[in-house]
Amino acid sequence: MSAHAESALAEVPWTERILLGSFTPASDHDWPGRRAATIYLLGCPWRCAYCHNPQLQKRGTAPALSWSRIAAKLTASRDTISGVVFSGGEPTTDRTLPEAIAAVKALGLPVGLHTSGAYPERLETLLPQLDWVGFDLKTDYESYDKLTGAPGSAARATQSARLIIASGVAHEFRLTWHHQVINEESALLAAHFAQHLGARRFVLQAFRSEGVANPTLAPESMPSAELVAQLRALFADFEVRGDICGLAD
């Protein structure tokens, strides 16, 4: 994009530039302990085999869903929800996310973020605005780039994980299990990394086939009891979760 085009785009209000993929008025799964609305943004630079929102991966053009419509719904439901989560895709892909977070905070609602850590430099600027982060840890360092299909993703995820812990923001690190995508050794290495950093909460998220477009994956894959026990021993706050966080309509 040329400098002129970028300048012209910057003059367009952020409410018209934000690319919204979907909106869930209320969910009990996207922010543990809270009933939260979830806003899904378009775009993700990674292509994980078990992605359950593949329709949100491409940026494309702005859909019919508008920010003004979402803002009106959030305003009307402030008494029935206790937070708003930005999800995706990878929500930090959208450069209007800081403005969107500020708009939600202005309504008096806490803000959570689902992220894989693909853009650590953007995440760092967002963390002071956030009340909670759900960090999708994928696998061990050596296996990261293959799982995501993106060279350099291991380094980016590592930097983001460190930033989250250093920020002091409430969080959970979660790892999705599917035996065709990640093995037990890699899962344990990833969990040890999270423990070493000081992650307070760790979730082993069981694979669910809803939304997944990859036909080569078995529809069911449960972690072994031995793996669960090993992970549980690492964290005082540990959970095996069957419900999918951030499943867009």
Protein backbone atom coordinates (compact mmCIF):
# COMPACT_ATOMS: atom_id res chain seq x y z
CA MET A 1 0.00 0.00 0.00
CA SER A 2 1.34 3.43 -0.95
CA ALA A 3 1.94 6.19 1.58
CA HIS A 4 -0.90 8.17 0.00
CA ALA A 5 -3.29 5.23 0.32
CA GLU A 6 -2.29 4.66 3.94
CA SER A 7 -2.87 8.35 4.72
CA ALA A 8 -6.29 8.27 3.08
CA LEU A 9 -7.24 5.12 4.97
CA ALA A 10 -6.16 6.66 8.28
CA GLU A 11 -8.67 9.45 7.73
CA VAL A 12 -11.53 6.97 7.64
CA PRO A 13 -13.10 6.57 11.13
CA TRP A 14 -11.91 3.44 12.91
CA THR A 15 -15.52 2.32 13.30
CA GLU A 16 -15.62 1.94 9.51
CA ARG A 17 -12.18 0.33 9.20
CA ILE A 18 -12.61 -2.41 11.79
CA LEU A 19 -13.28 -5.78 10.13
CA LEU A 20 -15.86 -7.62 12.20
CA GLY A 21 -16.39 -11.31 11.62
CA SER A 22 -19.07 -12.25 14.13
CA PHE A 23 -20.65 -11.28 17.44
CA THR A 24 -21.94 -13.38 20.32
CA PRO A 25 -24.10 -11.33 22.73
CA ALA A 26 -23.40 -13.59 25.71
CA SER A 27 -21.24 -16.64 26.41
CA ASP A 28 -20.20 -18.52 29.54
CA HIS A 29 -17.19 -20.15 27.83
CA ASP A 30 -15.03 -17.31 26.50
CA TRP A 31 -13.95 -15.73 29.81
CA PRO A 32 -13.81 -18.14 32.76
CA GLY A 33 -16.06 -17.01 35.59
CA ARG A 34 -17.78 -14.32 33.55
CA ARG A 35 -20.75 -14.08 31.24
CA ALA A 36 -19.25 -12.09 28.40
CA ALA A 37 -20.07 -10.83 24.95
CA THR A 38 -17.58 -11.89 22.29
CA ILE A 39 -16.50 -9.81 19.30
CA TYR A 40 -14.71 -11.70 16.52
CA LEU A 41 -12.32 -9.82 14.23
CA LEU A 42 -11.19 -10.96 10.80
CA GLY A 43 -7.65 -12.02 10.01
CA CYS A 44 -4.96 -14.40 11.21
CA PRO A 45 -1.44 -14.96 9.82
CA TRP A 46 -1.31 -18.56 11.04
CA ARG A 47 -2.94 -21.69 9.62
CA CYS A 48 -3.25 -24.19 12.45
CA ALA A 49 -4.66 -27.55 11.36
CA TYR A 50 -7.28 -27.66 14.13
CA CYS A 51 -8.52 -24.06 13.74
CA HIS A 52 -12.23 -23.94 14.55
CA ASN A 53 -12.77 -20.49 13.01
CA PRO A 54 -11.11 -20.87 9.57
CA GLN A 55 -13.71 -18.58 8.01
CA LEU A 56 -12.16 -15.71 10.00
CA GLN A 57 -8.58 -16.23 8.80
CA LYS A 58 -8.68 -13.95 5.76
CA ARG A 59 -9.09 -10.20 6.13
CA GLY A 60 -11.10 -9.61 2.97
CA THR A 61 -13.53 -6.73 2.98
CA ALA A 62 -15.69 -5.37 5.78
CA PRO A 63 -18.81 -7.53 6.32
CA ALA A 64 -22.32 -6.26 6.92
CA LEU A 65 -21.84 -6.33 10.69
CA SER A 66 -21.17 -2.79 11.92
CA TRP A 67 -19.52 -1.41 15.04
CA SER A 68 -22.49 0.85 15.75
CA ARG A 69 -24.78 -2.18 15.87
CA ILE A 70 -22.48 -4.01 18.28
CA ALA A 71 -22.05 -0.92 20.47
CA ALA A 72 -25.82 -0.57 20.73
CA LYS A 73 -26.17 -4.20 21.81
CA LEU A 74 -23.41 -3.85 24.38
CA THR A 75 -24.99 -0.71 25.80
CA ALA A 76 -28.36 -2.46 26.10
CA SER A 77 -26.87 -5.52 27.82
CA ARG A 78 -24.50 -3.87 30.30
CA ASP A 79 -26.57 -5.17 33.21
CA THR A 80 -26.57 -8.78 31.99
CA ILE A 81 -22.91 -9.29 30.99
CA SER A 82 -19.74 -8.77 33.01
CA GLY A 83 -17.22 -8.28 30.23
CA VAL A 84 -16.40 -8.25 26.53
CA VAL A 85 -13.87 -10.54 24.84
CA PHE A 86 -12.15 -9.80 21.54
CA SER A 87 -11.44 -12.99 19.63
CA GLY A 88 -10.86 -14.13 16.06
CA GLY A 89 -9.06 -15.07 13.93
CA GLU A 90 -6.24 -13.29 15.65
CA PRO A 91 -7.75 -10.03 16.93
CA THR A 92 -4.43 -8.19 17.12
CA THR A 93 -4.28 -8.43 13.32
CA ASP A 94 -6.75 -5.54 13.22
CA ARG A 95 -5.00 -2.22 13.80
CA THR A 96 -8.22 -0.62 15.08
CA LEU A 97 -8.31 -2.94 18.08
CA PRO A 98 -6.96 -0.31 20.54
CA GLU A 99 -9.79 2.05 19.64
CA ALA A 100 -12.37 -0.74 19.92
CA ILE A 101 -11.07 -1.73 23.35
CA ALA A 102 -11.20 1.89 24.50
CA ALA A 103 -14.79 2.18 23.28
CA VAL A 104 -15.82 -0.89 25.28
CA LYS A 105 -14.01 0.35 28.38
CA ALA A 106 -15.88 3.66 28.02
CA LEU A 107 -19.09 1.68 28.48
CA GLY A 108 -17.80 0.55 31.85
CA LEU A 109 -17.19 -3.05 30.75
CA PRO A 110 -14.01 -5.06 31.47
CA VAL A 111 -12.18 -6.32 28.37
CA GLY A 112 -10.60 -9.70 27.69
CA LEU A 113 -8.54 -10.86 24.73
CA HIS A 114 -8.03 -14.21 23.01
CA THR A 115 -4.65 -14.24 21.30
CA SER A 116 -2.04 -16.60 19.89
CA GLY A 117 0.63 -13.93 20.29
CA ALA A 118 1.24 -13.49 16.57
CA TYR A 119 1.95 -9.76 17.00
CA PRO A 120 3.87 -9.23 20.26
CA GLU A 121 4.66 -5.58 19.49
CA ARG A 122 0.93 -4.83 19.22
CA LEU A 123 0.05 -6.96 22.23
CA GLU A 124 2.53 -5.04 24.37
CA THR A 125 0.67 -1.77 23.74
CA LEU A 126 -2.69 -3.40 24.44
CA LEU A 127 -1.89 -5.11 27.74
CA PRO A 128 -2.37 -1.99 29.93
CA GLN A 129 -5.94 -1.77 28.58
CA LEU A 130 -6.83 -5.39 29.26
CA ASP A 131 -8.40 -7.10 32.27
CA TRP A 132 -7.75 -10.68 31.15
CA VAL A 133 -5.91 -12.60 28.41
CA GLY A 134 -6.58 -16.09 27.11
CA PHE A 135 -3.28 -17.10 25.48
CA ASP A 136 -3.35 -19.95 22.96
CA LEU A 137 -0.07 -21.75 23.45
CA LYS A 138 0.26 -24.14 20.51
CA THR A 139 3.15 -26.55 21.14
CA ASP A 140 6.85 -26.64 22.04
CA TYR A 141 9.24 -24.14 20.47
CA GLU A 142 10.77 -26.48 17.89
CA SER A 143 7.38 -27.63 16.58
CA TYR A 144 5.70 -24.22 16.45
CA ASP A 145 6.43 -23.11 12.90
CA LYS A 146 5.27 -26.42 11.44
CA LEU A 147 2.00 -26.36 13.40
CA THR A 148 1.16 -22.77 12.50
CA GLY A 149 2.50 -22.88 8.95
CA ALA A 150 4.26 -19.56 9.64
CA PRO A 151 8.05 -19.19 9.89
CA GLY A 152 9.02 -17.20 12.97
CA SER A 153 5.83 -17.94 14.88
CA ALA A 154 7.72 -19.67 17.71
CA ALA A 155 9.73 -16.56 18.48
CA ARG A 156 6.64 -14.34 18.31
CA ALA A 157 4.60 -16.58 20.58
CA THR A 158 7.46 -16.81 23.05
CA GLN A 159 7.83 -13.03 23.20
CA SER A 160 4.09 -12.59 23.67
CA ALA A 161 3.96 -15.16 26.46
CA ARG A 162 6.71 -13.34 28.32
CA LEU A 163 4.93 -10.01 27.88
CA ILE A 164 1.68 -11.38 29.29
CA ILE A 165 3.35 -12.74 32.40
CA ALA A 166 5.41 -9.59 32.93
CA SER A 167 2.33 -7.39 32.63
CA GLY A 168 0.62 -8.93 35.66
CA VAL A 169 -2.69 -9.08 33.78
CA ALA A 170 -4.97 -11.96 34.77
CA HIS A 171 -4.61 -14.78 32.25
CA GLU A 172 -4.85 -18.40 31.31
CA PHE A 173 -2.50 -20.32 29.06
CA ARG A 174 -4.34 -22.95 27.08
CA LEU A 175 -3.18 -25.70 24.78
CA THR A 176 -5.47 -27.59 22.39
CA TRP A 177 -4.91 -31.32 22.23
CA HIS A 178 -5.16 -33.44 19.08
CA HIS A 179 -2.90 -36.44 18.70
CA GLN A 180 -2.42 -35.81 14.95
CA VAL A 181 -1.20 -32.26 15.57
CA ILE A 182 0.77 -32.42 18.81
CA ASN A 183 2.37 -35.30 20.72
CA GLU A 184 2.61 -35.72 24.48
CA GLU A 185 6.29 -34.76 24.64
CA SER A 186 5.56 -31.46 22.88
CA ALA A 187 2.58 -30.80 25.15
CA LEU A 188 4.72 -31.34 28.24
CA LEU A 189 7.51 -29.12 26.92
CA ALA A 190 5.00 -26.35 26.24
CA ALA A 191 3.50 -26.70 29.71
CA HIS A 192 6.93 -26.61 31.35
CA PHE A 193 7.65 -23.42 29.44
CA ALA A 194 4.44 -21.86 30.77
CA GLN A 195 5.28 -22.97 34.29
CA HIS A 196 8.80 -21.58 34.02
CA LEU A 197 7.42 -18.20 32.99
CA GLY A 198 5.06 -18.18 35.95
CA ALA A 199 1.71 -18.80 34.27
CA ARG A 200 -0.98 -18.83 36.95
CA ARG A 201 -3.55 -20.95 35.14
CA PHE A 202 -3.16 -23.67 32.50
CA VAL A 203 -5.93 -25.30 30.50
CA LEU A 204 -5.69 -28.41 28.36
CA GLN A 205 -8.42 -27.85 25.80
CA ALA A 206 -9.81 -31.04 24.28
CA PHE A 207 -10.26 -30.92 20.51
CA ARG A 208 -13.78 -30.40 19.27
CA SER A 209 -14.62 -30.79 15.60
CA GLU A 210 -17.15 -27.94 15.40
CA GLY A 211 -16.08 -25.45 12.75
CA VAL A 212 -12.85 -27.30 11.82
CA ALA A 213 -12.40 -27.43 8.04
CA ASN A 214 -9.50 -29.93 7.95
CA PRO A 215 -10.95 -33.29 6.77
CA THR A 216 -7.80 -35.24 7.65
CA LEU A 217 -8.25 -34.84 11.41
CA ALA A 218 -10.00 -37.53 13.40
CA PRO A 219 -13.25 -36.09 14.83
CA GLU A 220 -12.30 -37.07 18.37
CA SER A 221 -9.00 -36.97 20.25
CA MET A 222 -8.78 -37.17 24.02
CA PRO A 223 -5.54 -36.74 25.98
CA SER A 224 -4.30 -39.71 27.99
CA ALA A 225 -4.86 -39.88 31.73
CA GLU A 226 -1.08 -39.93 32.17
CA LEU A 227 -0.63 -36.66 30.26
CA VAL A 228 -3.42 -35.00 32.22
CA ALA A 229 -1.84 -36.10 35.50
CA GLN A 230 1.58 -34.79 34.47
CA LEU A 231 0.17 -31.42 33.50
CA ARG A 232 -1.97 -31.17 36.61
CA ALA A 233 1.13 -31.66 38.75
CA LEU A 234 2.71 -28.54 37.22
CA PHE A 235 -0.01 -26.03 38.04
CA ALA A 236 -2.03 -25.18 41.12
CA ASP A 237 -4.79 -23.94 38.80
CA PHE A 238 -5.32 -26.53 36.05
CA GLU A 239 -8.33 -27.59 34.02
CA VAL A 240 -9.22 -29.97 31.22
CA ARG A 241 -11.80 -28.13 29.15
CA GLY A 242 -14.22 -29.70 26.71
CA ASP A 243 -16.03 -26.53 25.60
CA ILE A 244 -14.44 -24.52 22.82
CA CYS A 245 -13.50 -20.96 23.64
CA GLY A 246 -14.08 -18.45 20.88
CA LEU A 247 -16.26 -20.48 18.49
CA ALA A 248 -17.74 -17.97 16.05
CA ASP A 249 -21.22 -18.31 14.60
